[in-house]
Amino acid sequence: MFAIVRLRGEVNLRPEIKDTLEMLRIHRVNHCIVVAEDSHYRGMIQKVKDYVAWGKIDDDTLALLLERRGRLSANRRLTDQFLKENTSYRTFKELASAVNSGSASLKDLGIKPIFRLHPARKGLKTTKKTARQGGDMGLRQDMADLIKRMR
């Protein structure tokens, strides 16, 4: 699974990039979405690479996102009680490993795949350079670090 976090706003945004961000369902800065690793999403990520940070998400980080920022329909919080009553998973960690392996889907369980995050603690380095160049944009090997700072 990929986690995609939008880090830049809409000022001077080309229409095709804006459309791609809307298709990815990340309409605002500091919103995160979890998507499958397939060629369709890879092409979309490549198009918006200058506006987002993305990388592979591990089970622990996904469990943290689900626990702290998980939402159900009508903007209700995702709780342990909901998991125990409505799913076959008992903990957030079990759910995260099932979603990451592809055996479960957030949408099928009624959980929104969009997570509204805080701005990063201690700030971002720069949103004008890629992660390889010392900034925050583009493909990140340490996506868990960024998400934990934005929890």
C-alpha atoms as a PDB file:
ATOM      1  CA  MET A   1       0.000   0.000   0.000  1.00  0.00           C
ATOM      2  CA  PHE A   2       1.039   3.564  -0.701  1.00  0.00           C
ATOM      3  CA  ALA A   3       0.376   6.513   1.572  1.00  0.00           C
ATOM      4  CA  ILE A   4       0.070   9.818  -0.277  1.00  0.00           C
ATOM      5  CA  VAL A   5       0.179  13.102   1.654  1.00  0.00           C
ATOM      6  CA  ARG A   6      -0.613  16.408  -0.021  1.00  0.00           C
ATOM      7  CA  LEU A   7       1.882  19.087   1.003  1.00  0.00           C
ATOM      8  CA  ARG A   8       1.231  21.970  -1.382  1.00  0.00           C
ATOM      9  CA  GLY A   9      -1.847  24.087  -2.029  1.00  0.00           C
ATOM     10  CA  GLU A  10      -3.829  25.150  -5.091  1.00  0.00           C
ATOM     11  CA  VAL A  11      -2.250  28.480  -6.022  1.00  0.00           C
ATOM     12  CA  ASN A  12      -1.150  28.474  -9.697  1.00  0.00           C
ATOM     13  CA  LEU A  13      -2.179  24.829 -10.057  1.00  0.00           C
ATOM     14  CA  ARG A  14      -2.576  23.492 -13.596  1.00  0.00           C
ATOM     15  CA  PRO A  15      -6.058  22.065 -14.304  1.00  0.00           C
ATOM     16  CA  GLU A  16      -4.834  18.556 -15.178  1.00  0.00           C
ATOM     17  CA  ILE A  17      -2.936  18.308 -11.888  1.00  0.00           C
ATOM     18  CA  LYS A  18      -5.952  19.622  -9.976  1.00  0.00           C
ATOM     19  CA  ASP A  19      -8.134  16.978 -11.641  1.00  0.00           C
ATOM     20  CA  THR A  20      -5.668  14.235 -10.733  1.00  0.00           C
ATOM     21  CA  LEU A  21      -5.578  15.380  -7.097  1.00  0.00           C
ATOM     22  CA  GLU A  22      -9.387  15.308  -7.068  1.00  0.00           C
ATOM     23  CA  MET A  23      -9.364  11.778  -8.502  1.00  0.00           C
ATOM     24  CA  LEU A  24      -6.978  10.789  -5.718  1.00  0.00           C
ATOM     25  CA  ARG A  25      -9.438  12.428  -3.263  1.00  0.00           C
ATOM     26  CA  ILE A  26      -6.852  14.624  -1.589  1.00  0.00           C
ATOM     27  CA  HIS A  27      -8.505  18.015  -1.813  1.00  0.00           C
ATOM     28  CA  ARG A  28      -6.628  19.837   0.945  1.00  0.00           C
ATOM     29  CA  VAL A  29      -3.123  20.254   2.285  1.00  0.00           C
ATOM     30  CA  ASN A  30      -2.131  17.731   5.005  1.00  0.00           C
ATOM     31  CA  HIS A  31      -4.679  15.158   3.870  1.00  0.00           C
ATOM     32  CA  CYS A  32      -3.436  11.601   3.456  1.00  0.00           C
ATOM     33  CA  ILE A  33      -4.881   8.733   1.449  1.00  0.00           C
ATOM     34  CA  VAL A  34      -3.961   5.067   1.423  1.00  0.00           C
ATOM     35  CA  VAL A  35      -4.119   3.389  -2.008  1.00  0.00           C
ATOM     36  CA  ALA A  36      -3.120   0.086  -3.539  1.00  0.00           C
ATOM     37  CA  GLU A  37       0.173  -0.326  -5.374  1.00  0.00           C
ATOM     38  CA  ASP A  38      -0.935  -0.663  -8.988  1.00  0.00           C
ATOM     39  CA  SER A  39      -0.054   0.947 -12.296  1.00  0.00           C
ATOM     40  CA  HIS A  40      -3.081   3.261 -12.310  1.00  0.00           C
ATOM     41  CA  TYR A  41      -2.168   4.894  -9.020  1.00  0.00           C
ATOM     42  CA  ARG A  42       1.518   4.984  -9.964  1.00  0.00           C
ATOM     43  CA  GLY A  43       0.666   7.033 -13.063  1.00  0.00           C
ATOM     44  CA  MET A  44      -1.471   9.415 -11.038  1.00  0.00           C
ATOM     45  CA  ILE A  45       1.271   9.805  -8.434  1.00  0.00           C
ATOM     46  CA  GLN A  46       3.813  10.507 -11.159  1.00  0.00           C
ATOM     47  CA  LYS A  47       1.606  13.319 -12.463  1.00  0.00           C
ATOM     48  CA  VAL A  48       1.243  15.031  -9.065  1.00  0.00           C
ATOM     49  CA  LYS A  49       4.731  14.249  -7.744  1.00  0.00           C
ATOM     50  CA  ASP A  50       5.548  17.942  -7.224  1.00  0.00           C
ATOM     51  CA  TYR A  51       2.593  18.442  -4.865  1.00  0.00           C
ATOM     52  CA  VAL A  52       2.618  15.293  -2.717  1.00  0.00           C
ATOM     53  CA  ALA A  53       4.890  13.066  -0.686  1.00  0.00           C
ATOM     54  CA  TRP A  54       4.336   9.331  -1.012  1.00  0.00           C
ATOM     55  CA  GLY A  55       5.851   6.060   0.005  1.00  0.00           C
ATOM     56  CA  LYS A  56       5.103   2.572   1.216  1.00  0.00           C
ATOM     57  CA  ILE A  57       3.264   2.361   4.493  1.00  0.00           C
ATOM     58  CA  ASP A  58       3.987  -0.351   7.048  1.00  0.00           C
ATOM     59  CA  ASP A  59       1.492  -2.063   9.348  1.00  0.00           C
ATOM     60  CA  ASP A  60       2.406  -0.091  12.475  1.00  0.00           C
ATOM     61  CA  THR A  61       2.004   3.280  10.777  1.00  0.00           C
ATOM     62  CA  LEU A  62      -1.293   2.280   9.177  1.00  0.00           C
ATOM     63  CA  ALA A  63      -2.541   1.070  12.571  1.00  0.00           C
ATOM     64  CA  LEU A  64      -1.550   4.437  14.075  1.00  0.00           C
ATOM     65  CA  LEU A  65      -3.435   6.280  11.315  1.00  0.00           C
ATOM     66  CA  LEU A  66      -6.529   4.132  11.751  1.00  0.00           C
ATOM     67  CA  GLU A  67      -6.510   4.523  15.516  1.00  0.00           C
ATOM     68  CA  ARG A  68      -5.950   8.259  15.675  1.00  0.00           C
ATOM     69  CA  ARG A  69      -7.447   9.552  12.435  1.00  0.00           C
ATOM     70  CA  GLY A  70      -9.759   6.802  11.179  1.00  0.00           C
ATOM     71  CA  ARG A  71     -13.284   7.942  10.315  1.00  0.00           C
ATOM     72  CA  LEU A  72     -16.505   6.182   9.419  1.00  0.00           C
ATOM     73  CA  SER A  73     -19.431   7.524   7.430  1.00  0.00           C
ATOM     74  CA  ALA A  74     -21.092  10.630   8.892  1.00  0.00           C
ATOM     75  CA  ASN A  75     -17.642  11.608  10.242  1.00  0.00           C
ATOM     76  CA  ARG A  76     -17.805   9.258  13.243  1.00  0.00           C
ATOM     77  CA  ARG A  77     -14.561   8.087  14.868  1.00  0.00           C
ATOM     78  CA  LEU A  78     -13.265   4.592  14.230  1.00  0.00           C
ATOM     79  CA  THR A  79     -13.178   2.841  17.613  1.00  0.00           C
ATOM     80  CA  ASP A  80     -12.188  -0.527  19.073  1.00  0.00           C
ATOM     81  CA  GLN A  81     -15.837  -1.176  19.772  1.00  0.00           C
ATOM     82  CA  PHE A  82     -16.767  -0.700  16.093  1.00  0.00           C
ATOM     83  CA  LEU A  83     -14.012  -3.102  15.057  1.00  0.00           C
ATOM     84  CA  LYS A  84     -15.146  -5.791  17.479  1.00  0.00           C
ATOM     85  CA  GLU A  85     -18.848  -5.483  16.625  1.00  0.00           C
ATOM     86  CA  ASN A  86     -18.763  -4.994  12.847  1.00  0.00           C
ATOM     87  CA  THR A  87     -15.592  -6.693  11.606  1.00  0.00           C
ATOM     88  CA  SER A  88     -13.698  -9.902  12.203  1.00  0.00           C
ATOM     89  CA  TYR A  89     -10.662  -7.914  13.393  1.00  0.00           C
ATOM     90  CA  ARG A  90     -10.114  -7.295  17.104  1.00  0.00           C
ATOM     91  CA  THR A  91      -7.356  -4.666  17.016  1.00  0.00           C
ATOM     92  CA  PHE A  92      -6.158  -1.890  14.759  1.00  0.00           C
ATOM     93  CA  LYS A  93      -2.942  -3.808  14.160  1.00  0.00           C
ATOM     94  CA  GLU A  94      -4.833  -6.841  12.800  1.00  0.00           C
ATOM     95  CA  LEU A  95      -6.889  -4.603  10.523  1.00  0.00           C
ATOM     96  CA  ALA A  96      -3.785  -2.769   9.309  1.00  0.00           C
ATOM     97  CA  SER A  97      -1.962  -5.979   8.431  1.00  0.00           C
ATOM     98  CA  ALA A  98      -5.026  -7.301   6.580  1.00  0.00           C
ATOM     99  CA  VAL A  99      -5.413  -4.068   4.597  1.00  0.00           C
ATOM    100  CA  ASN A 100      -1.698  -3.924   3.825  1.00  0.00           C
ATOM    101  CA  SER A 101      -1.680  -7.525   2.576  1.00  0.00           C
ATOM    102  CA  GLY A 102      -4.721  -6.889   0.375  1.00  0.00           C
ATOM    103  CA  SER A 103      -7.075  -9.350   2.058  1.00  0.00           C
ATOM    104  CA  ALA A 104      -9.307  -6.525   3.361  1.00  0.00           C
ATOM    105  CA  SER A 105     -10.381  -3.173   2.004  1.00  0.00           C
ATOM    106  CA  LEU A 106     -11.105  -0.034   4.011  1.00  0.00           C
ATOM    107  CA  LYS A 107     -14.006   0.826   1.724  1.00  0.00           C
ATOM    108  CA  ASP A 108     -15.653  -2.572   2.193  1.00  0.00           C
ATOM    109  CA  LEU A 109     -15.478  -2.152   5.978  1.00  0.00           C
ATOM    110  CA  GLY A 110     -17.072   1.308   5.802  1.00  0.00           C
ATOM    111  CA  ILE A 111     -13.884   3.161   6.764  1.00  0.00           C
ATOM    112  CA  LYS A 112     -12.865   6.259   4.845  1.00  0.00           C
ATOM    113  CA  PRO A 113      -9.405   5.900   3.230  1.00  0.00           C
ATOM    114  CA  ILE A 114      -8.766   9.629   3.702  1.00  0.00           C
ATOM    115  CA  PHE A 115      -7.039  10.808   6.858  1.00  0.00           C
ATOM    116  CA  ARG A 116      -6.969  14.469   7.908  1.00  0.00           C
ATOM    117  CA  LEU A 117      -3.570  15.095   9.474  1.00  0.00           C
ATOM    118  CA  HIS A 118      -2.014  17.910  11.468  1.00  0.00           C
ATOM    119  CA  PRO A 119       0.847  19.970  10.065  1.00  0.00           C
ATOM    120  CA  ALA A 120       4.178  18.243  10.695  1.00  0.00           C
ATOM    121  CA  ARG A 121       5.711  18.705  14.119  1.00  0.00           C
ATOM    122  CA  LYS A 122       8.935  20.729  13.862  1.00  0.00           C
ATOM    123  CA  GLY A 123       7.836  21.687  10.334  1.00  0.00           C
ATOM    124  CA  LEU A 124       8.831  20.503   6.898  1.00  0.00           C
ATOM    125  CA  LYS A 125      12.271  21.056   5.405  1.00  0.00           C
ATOM    126  CA  THR A 126      11.044  22.491   2.118  1.00  0.00           C
ATOM    127  CA  THR A 127       8.199  21.811  -0.273  1.00  0.00           C
ATOM    128  CA  LYS A 128      10.218  22.843  -3.297  1.00  0.00           C
ATOM    129  CA  LYS A 129      12.732  19.983  -3.317  1.00  0.00           C
ATOM    130  CA  THR A 130      12.373  16.230  -3.518  1.00  0.00           C
ATOM    131  CA  ALA A 131      13.326  13.951  -0.648  1.00  0.00           C
ATOM    132  CA  ARG A 132      16.543  12.984  -2.453  1.00  0.00           C
ATOM    133  CA  GLN A 133      17.510  16.661  -2.719  1.00  0.00           C
ATOM    134  CA  GLY A 134      16.903  17.259   0.981  1.00  0.00           C
ATOM    135  CA  GLY A 135      13.271  18.362   0.830  1.00  0.00           C
ATOM    136  CA  ASP A 136       9.964  16.695   1.552  1.00  0.00           C
ATOM    137  CA  MET A 137       8.265  16.131  -1.813  1.00  0.00           C
ATOM    138  CA  GLY A 138       8.155  12.996  -3.939  1.00  0.00           C
ATOM    139  CA  LEU A 139       9.019   9.406  -3.090  1.00  0.00           C
ATOM    140  CA  ARG A 140      10.101   8.961   0.531  1.00  0.00           C
ATOM    141  CA  GLN A 141      11.766   5.937   2.055  1.00  0.00           C
ATOM    142  CA  ASP A 142      10.844   7.178   5.543  1.00  0.00           C
ATOM    143  CA  MET A 143       7.134   7.796   5.009  1.00  0.00           C
ATOM    144  CA  ALA A 144       6.422   6.450   8.493  1.00  0.00           C
ATOM    145  CA  ASP A 145       8.490   9.274  10.010  1.00  0.00           C
ATOM    146  CA  LEU A 146       6.503  11.962   8.189  1.00  0.00           C
ATOM    147  CA  ILE A 147       3.155  10.420   9.093  1.00  0.00           C
ATOM    148  CA  LYS A 148       4.144  10.046  12.749  1.00  0.00           C
ATOM    149  CA  ARG A 149       5.117  13.712  12.856  1.00  0.00           C
ATOM    150  CA  MET A 150       1.748  14.640  11.325  1.00  0.00           C
ATOM    151  CA  ARG A 151      -0.407  12.337  13.454  1.00  0.00           C
END
